[in-house]
Amino acid sequence: MARGRFVSKAISLDEKVDALSDDTARLLFTWLIPHLDCEGRVFGDAQTVKSIVFPRRNISPQKVEKYLKEFETHELICRYSVNGNQYLWMPNFEKHQPGLRKDKEAQSQIPPFTPELRRSEDGNGLTQVKVKDKDKVQVKEEVKETPLNPPTGSLFDPLIEKALKDYEDTIVLPGTLLSAEMKAELLQACQTFSPALVSKAIKEAVKQNQRTWRYIRGILNNWHRDGKGEMGTETQ
């Protein structure tokens, strides 16, 4: 995604945003916009949203979850689940993002939202609608929502976990934990480029005896500018 985005001043007059419960909710919604990819999507579980949007704010994932549900109630976002990962999509993203140039940004790595993936009305789960070809009868299946604090290994795609581990193993000083801010940077890079490309850039930086995020980000930007594919090869 772009390193920076423009937020339309019309957002201050948006009735749905104004109707949110407090200023923290409005701040979370506004700050969420720069972290969306070019299609207005991002990971939608509360823990990840907190680490990306509010890494320095003293606010619990439970509080963030409350606000995300409020955004859904006001139809500011749609949350959905694909292959066990939870995502969110902002329907009016382009309204608050004037001058959006999708052709200048990396393609979205997040599956698109469809009405069949919309959360159930009671908010307790996610509803997928499937149609049987044999009798054309619609059958609804309830899919359990991803827990707020899922066990290690179930929150992210394995390739994203690998990119985080690659950074921890080769860049972070021994005995030092990966900071929430750095984790957010890595997650954002995985969404902008791809987890596999982030891992490859980390290895390339180490090969050049450079162990800074700035250098790694520069590699990613150069590859994207030169039209490199997921694994650093030329795209077709």
Protein backbone atom coordinates (compact mmCIF):
# COMPACT_ATOMS: atom_id res chain seq x y z
CA MET A 1 0.00 0.00 0.00
CA ALA A 2 1.04 3.62 -0.24
CA ARG A 3 3.35 4.95 2.48
CA GLY A 4 0.82 7.73 3.04
CA ARG A 5 -2.76 8.40 2.15
CA PHE A 6 -4.94 11.48 1.88
CA VAL A 7 -8.05 11.51 4.04
CA SER A 8 -10.86 13.63 2.67
CA LYS A 9 -12.02 16.48 4.88
CA ALA A 10 -15.54 15.20 4.20
CA ILE A 11 -14.91 12.57 6.87
CA SER A 12 -15.52 15.22 9.55
CA LEU A 13 -19.03 15.69 8.16
CA ASP A 14 -19.77 11.99 7.76
CA GLU A 15 -22.90 11.23 9.81
CA LYS A 16 -21.94 7.61 10.45
CA VAL A 17 -18.50 8.56 11.77
CA ASP A 18 -20.02 11.32 13.89
CA ALA A 19 -22.50 8.81 15.35
CA LEU A 20 -19.71 6.64 16.82
CA SER A 21 -19.70 6.32 20.59
CA ASP A 22 -16.61 8.38 21.41
CA ASP A 23 -13.55 10.12 20.00
CA THR A 24 -11.36 7.03 20.44
CA ALA A 25 -13.70 5.15 18.10
CA ARG A 26 -13.50 8.00 15.58
CA LEU A 27 -9.71 8.07 15.89
CA LEU A 28 -9.46 4.30 15.35
CA PHE A 29 -11.64 4.51 12.26
CA THR A 30 -9.70 7.45 10.80
CA TRP A 31 -6.29 5.93 11.55
CA LEU A 32 -7.46 2.64 10.05
CA ILE A 33 -7.77 4.22 6.60
CA PRO A 34 -4.00 4.65 5.88
CA HIS A 35 -3.40 0.97 6.70
CA LEU A 36 -5.88 -0.40 4.16
CA ASP A 37 -4.59 -1.81 0.90
CA CYS A 38 -5.61 -0.38 -2.46
CA GLU A 39 -8.94 -2.22 -2.32
CA GLY A 40 -9.79 -0.98 1.18
CA ARG A 41 -8.98 -4.29 2.93
CA VAL A 42 -6.87 -5.30 5.91
CA PHE A 43 -6.69 -8.06 8.51
CA GLY A 44 -9.83 -7.73 10.63
CA ASP A 45 -9.19 -9.44 13.96
CA ALA A 46 -8.92 -7.09 16.92
CA GLN A 47 -5.41 -8.15 17.97
CA THR A 48 -3.93 -7.37 14.55
CA VAL A 49 -5.88 -4.11 14.13
CA LYS A 50 -4.60 -2.98 17.54
CA SER A 51 -0.97 -3.84 16.68
CA ILE A 52 -1.14 -2.08 13.31
CA VAL A 53 -3.27 0.99 14.07
CA PHE A 54 -2.80 1.53 17.82
CA PRO A 55 0.68 0.10 18.64
CA ARG A 56 1.40 2.87 21.19
CA ARG A 57 -2.10 3.38 22.58
CA ASN A 58 -2.94 1.86 25.96
CA ILE A 59 -6.07 0.10 24.77
CA SER A 60 -6.96 -3.58 24.99
CA PRO A 61 -7.80 -5.84 22.04
CA GLN A 62 -11.20 -6.37 23.71
CA LYS A 63 -11.86 -2.62 23.47
CA VAL A 64 -10.76 -2.61 19.84
CA GLU A 65 -13.13 -5.51 19.17
CA LYS A 66 -15.97 -3.48 20.69
CA TYR A 67 -15.20 -0.59 18.35
CA LEU A 68 -14.93 -2.87 15.31
CA LYS A 69 -18.38 -4.27 16.05
CA GLU A 70 -19.63 -0.70 16.36
CA PHE A 71 -18.16 0.11 12.94
CA GLU A 72 -20.07 -2.87 11.57
CA THR A 73 -23.30 -1.69 13.17
CA HIS A 74 -22.91 1.69 11.48
CA GLU A 75 -22.02 -0.06 8.18
CA LEU A 76 -18.59 1.58 8.09
CA ILE A 77 -16.83 -1.78 7.61
CA CYS A 78 -17.67 -5.37 6.70
CA ARG A 79 -15.83 -8.23 8.38
CA TYR A 80 -15.51 -11.69 6.92
CA SER A 81 -13.48 -14.88 7.25
CA VAL A 82 -11.61 -16.88 4.61
CA ASN A 83 -9.67 -20.05 5.43
CA GLY A 84 -9.68 -19.24 9.13
CA ASN A 85 -8.29 -15.71 8.72
CA GLN A 86 -10.47 -12.71 9.53
CA TYR A 87 -10.44 -9.62 7.34
CA LEU A 88 -12.29 -6.34 7.07
CA TRP A 89 -13.28 -4.21 4.10
CA MET A 90 -14.28 -0.55 4.14
CA PRO A 91 -17.06 -0.01 1.56
CA ASN A 92 -16.52 3.76 1.41
CA PHE A 93 -12.73 3.55 1.35
CA GLU A 94 -12.41 5.38 -1.96
CA LYS A 95 -14.76 8.11 -0.70
CA HIS A 96 -12.23 8.95 2.03
CA GLN A 97 -9.21 8.39 -0.26
CA PRO A 98 -9.18 11.08 -2.96
CA GLY A 99 -6.68 10.65 -5.75
CA LEU A 100 -6.35 6.89 -5.27
CA ARG A 101 -4.10 5.37 -7.98
CA LYS A 102 -4.50 1.60 -7.82
CA ASP A 103 -2.20 1.22 -10.83
CA LYS A 104 0.65 2.66 -8.73
CA GLU A 105 0.19 0.26 -5.81
CA ALA A 106 0.79 -3.44 -5.28
CA GLN A 107 -2.23 -5.64 -5.83
CA SER A 108 -4.21 -6.64 -2.75
CA GLN A 109 -3.08 -9.89 -1.14
CA ILE A 110 -6.35 -10.19 0.80
CA PRO A 111 -9.33 -12.16 -0.58
CA PRO A 112 -12.24 -9.92 -1.65
CA PHE A 113 -15.38 -9.52 0.42
CA THR A 114 -18.58 -11.10 -0.89
CA PRO A 115 -22.09 -10.91 0.62
CA GLU A 116 -21.93 -14.66 1.30
CA LEU A 117 -19.13 -14.03 3.80
CA ARG A 118 -20.95 -11.31 5.76
CA ARG A 119 -21.15 -11.77 9.54
CA SER A 120 -24.38 -13.26 10.88
CA GLU A 121 -26.95 -10.86 12.34
CA ASP A 122 -26.44 -12.02 15.93
CA GLY A 123 -22.73 -11.20 15.61
CA ASN A 124 -21.73 -14.59 17.03
CA GLY A 125 -20.30 -16.04 13.89
CA LEU A 126 -19.76 -15.76 10.19
CA THR A 127 -22.30 -17.05 7.72
CA GLN A 128 -21.39 -18.63 4.43
CA VAL A 129 -24.13 -19.46 1.94
CA LYS A 130 -23.60 -22.40 -0.40
CA VAL A 131 -25.88 -23.61 -3.18
CA LYS A 132 -26.12 -27.30 -3.94
CA ASP A 133 -26.10 -27.89 -7.70
CA LYS A 134 -28.25 -30.98 -7.43
CA ASP A 135 -31.41 -29.49 -6.00
CA LYS A 136 -30.57 -25.74 -6.12
CA VAL A 137 -31.46 -25.49 -2.44
CA GLN A 138 -29.55 -22.89 -0.45
CA VAL A 139 -27.90 -24.27 2.65
CA LYS A 140 -26.49 -21.95 5.31
CA GLU A 141 -23.46 -23.08 7.26
CA GLU A 142 -22.35 -21.40 10.46
CA VAL A 143 -18.61 -20.93 10.67
CA LYS A 144 -17.09 -20.21 14.04
CA GLU A 145 -15.52 -16.80 14.35
CA THR A 146 -11.80 -16.64 14.91
CA PRO A 147 -11.21 -16.28 18.68
CA LEU A 148 -9.97 -12.94 19.98
CA ASN A 149 -6.76 -14.52 21.23
CA PRO A 150 -6.27 -17.61 19.04
CA PRO A 151 -3.48 -20.10 19.72
CA THR A 152 -0.11 -19.47 18.13
CA GLY A 153 -0.11 -20.42 14.47
CA SER A 154 -3.80 -19.82 13.74
CA LEU A 155 -3.93 -16.02 13.57
CA PHE A 156 -1.87 -15.47 10.44
CA ASP A 157 -1.15 -17.18 7.19
CA PRO A 158 1.90 -19.48 7.64
CA LEU A 159 3.89 -17.39 5.16
CA ILE A 160 3.29 -14.26 7.26
CA GLU A 161 4.43 -16.08 10.38
CA LYS A 162 7.54 -17.18 8.48
CA ALA A 163 8.32 -13.59 7.47
CA LEU A 164 8.02 -12.44 11.09
CA LYS A 165 10.24 -15.31 12.25
CA ASP A 166 12.81 -14.62 9.53
CA TYR A 167 13.07 -11.03 10.75
CA GLU A 168 13.30 -12.08 14.40
CA ASP A 169 15.96 -14.72 13.68
CA THR A 170 18.22 -12.61 11.48
CA ILE A 171 17.63 -8.93 12.24
CA VAL A 172 16.49 -8.56 15.86
CA LEU A 173 19.29 -8.57 18.42
CA PRO A 174 19.56 -11.81 20.46
CA GLY A 175 17.46 -11.64 23.60
CA THR A 176 15.37 -8.77 22.21
CA LEU A 177 11.66 -9.19 21.48
CA LEU A 178 10.06 -7.96 18.29
CA SER A 179 8.34 -4.66 19.15
CA ALA A 180 4.67 -4.06 18.42
CA GLU A 181 5.65 -1.18 16.13
CA MET A 182 8.04 -3.37 14.13
CA LYS A 183 5.47 -6.16 13.97
CA ALA A 184 2.98 -3.68 12.54
CA GLU A 185 5.54 -2.57 9.92
CA LEU A 186 6.13 -6.19 8.87
CA LEU A 187 2.41 -6.97 8.69
CA GLN A 188 1.88 -3.88 6.56
CA ALA A 189 4.71 -4.91 4.24
CA CYS A 190 3.25 -8.42 3.90
CA GLN A 191 -0.05 -6.90 2.83
CA THR A 192 1.58 -4.42 0.44
CA PHE A 193 3.95 -6.86 -1.30
CA SER A 194 3.60 -10.49 -0.19
CA PRO A 195 4.91 -12.51 2.78
CA ALA A 196 7.19 -14.51 0.49
CA LEU A 197 8.71 -11.35 -0.99
CA VAL A 198 9.29 -9.88 2.50
CA SER A 199 11.14 -13.06 3.53
CA LYS A 200 13.24 -12.90 0.36
CA ALA A 201 14.10 -9.23 0.97
CA ILE A 202 15.20 -10.05 4.54
CA LYS A 203 17.53 -12.77 3.21
CA GLU A 204 18.88 -10.41 0.54
CA ALA A 205 19.65 -7.74 3.16
CA VAL A 206 21.50 -10.25 5.35
CA LYS A 207 23.44 -11.39 2.29
CA GLN A 208 24.52 -7.76 1.81
CA ASN A 209 25.43 -7.58 5.53
CA GLN A 210 22.69 -4.99 6.09
CA ARG A 211 20.40 -5.57 9.06
CA THR A 212 18.03 -2.63 9.19
CA TRP A 213 14.35 -2.42 8.32
CA ARG A 214 15.03 0.70 6.25
CA TYR A 215 17.36 -1.28 3.98
CA ILE A 216 14.88 -4.17 3.68
CA ARG A 217 12.05 -1.77 2.85
CA GLY A 218 14.27 -0.19 0.21
CA ILE A 219 14.80 -3.58 -1.42
CA LEU A 220 11.04 -4.18 -1.49
CA ASN A 221 10.36 -0.75 -2.98
CA ASN A 222 13.01 -1.29 -5.65
CA TRP A 223 11.63 -4.70 -6.58
CA HIS A 224 8.12 -3.27 -6.81
CA ARG A 225 9.33 -0.34 -8.92
CA ASP A 226 11.16 -2.71 -11.26
CA GLY A 227 8.11 -4.95 -11.64
CA LYS A 228 9.43 -7.91 -9.71
CA GLY A 229 7.02 -10.74 -8.89
CA GLU A 230 6.29 -12.51 -5.62
CA MET A 231 9.67 -14.20 -5.40
CA GLY A 232 11.68 -11.37 -6.94
CA THR A 233 11.26 -12.55 -10.54
CA GLU A 234 9.99 -10.46 -13.39
CA THR A 235 6.22 -10.37 -13.66
CA GLN A 236 4.55 -11.34 -16.92
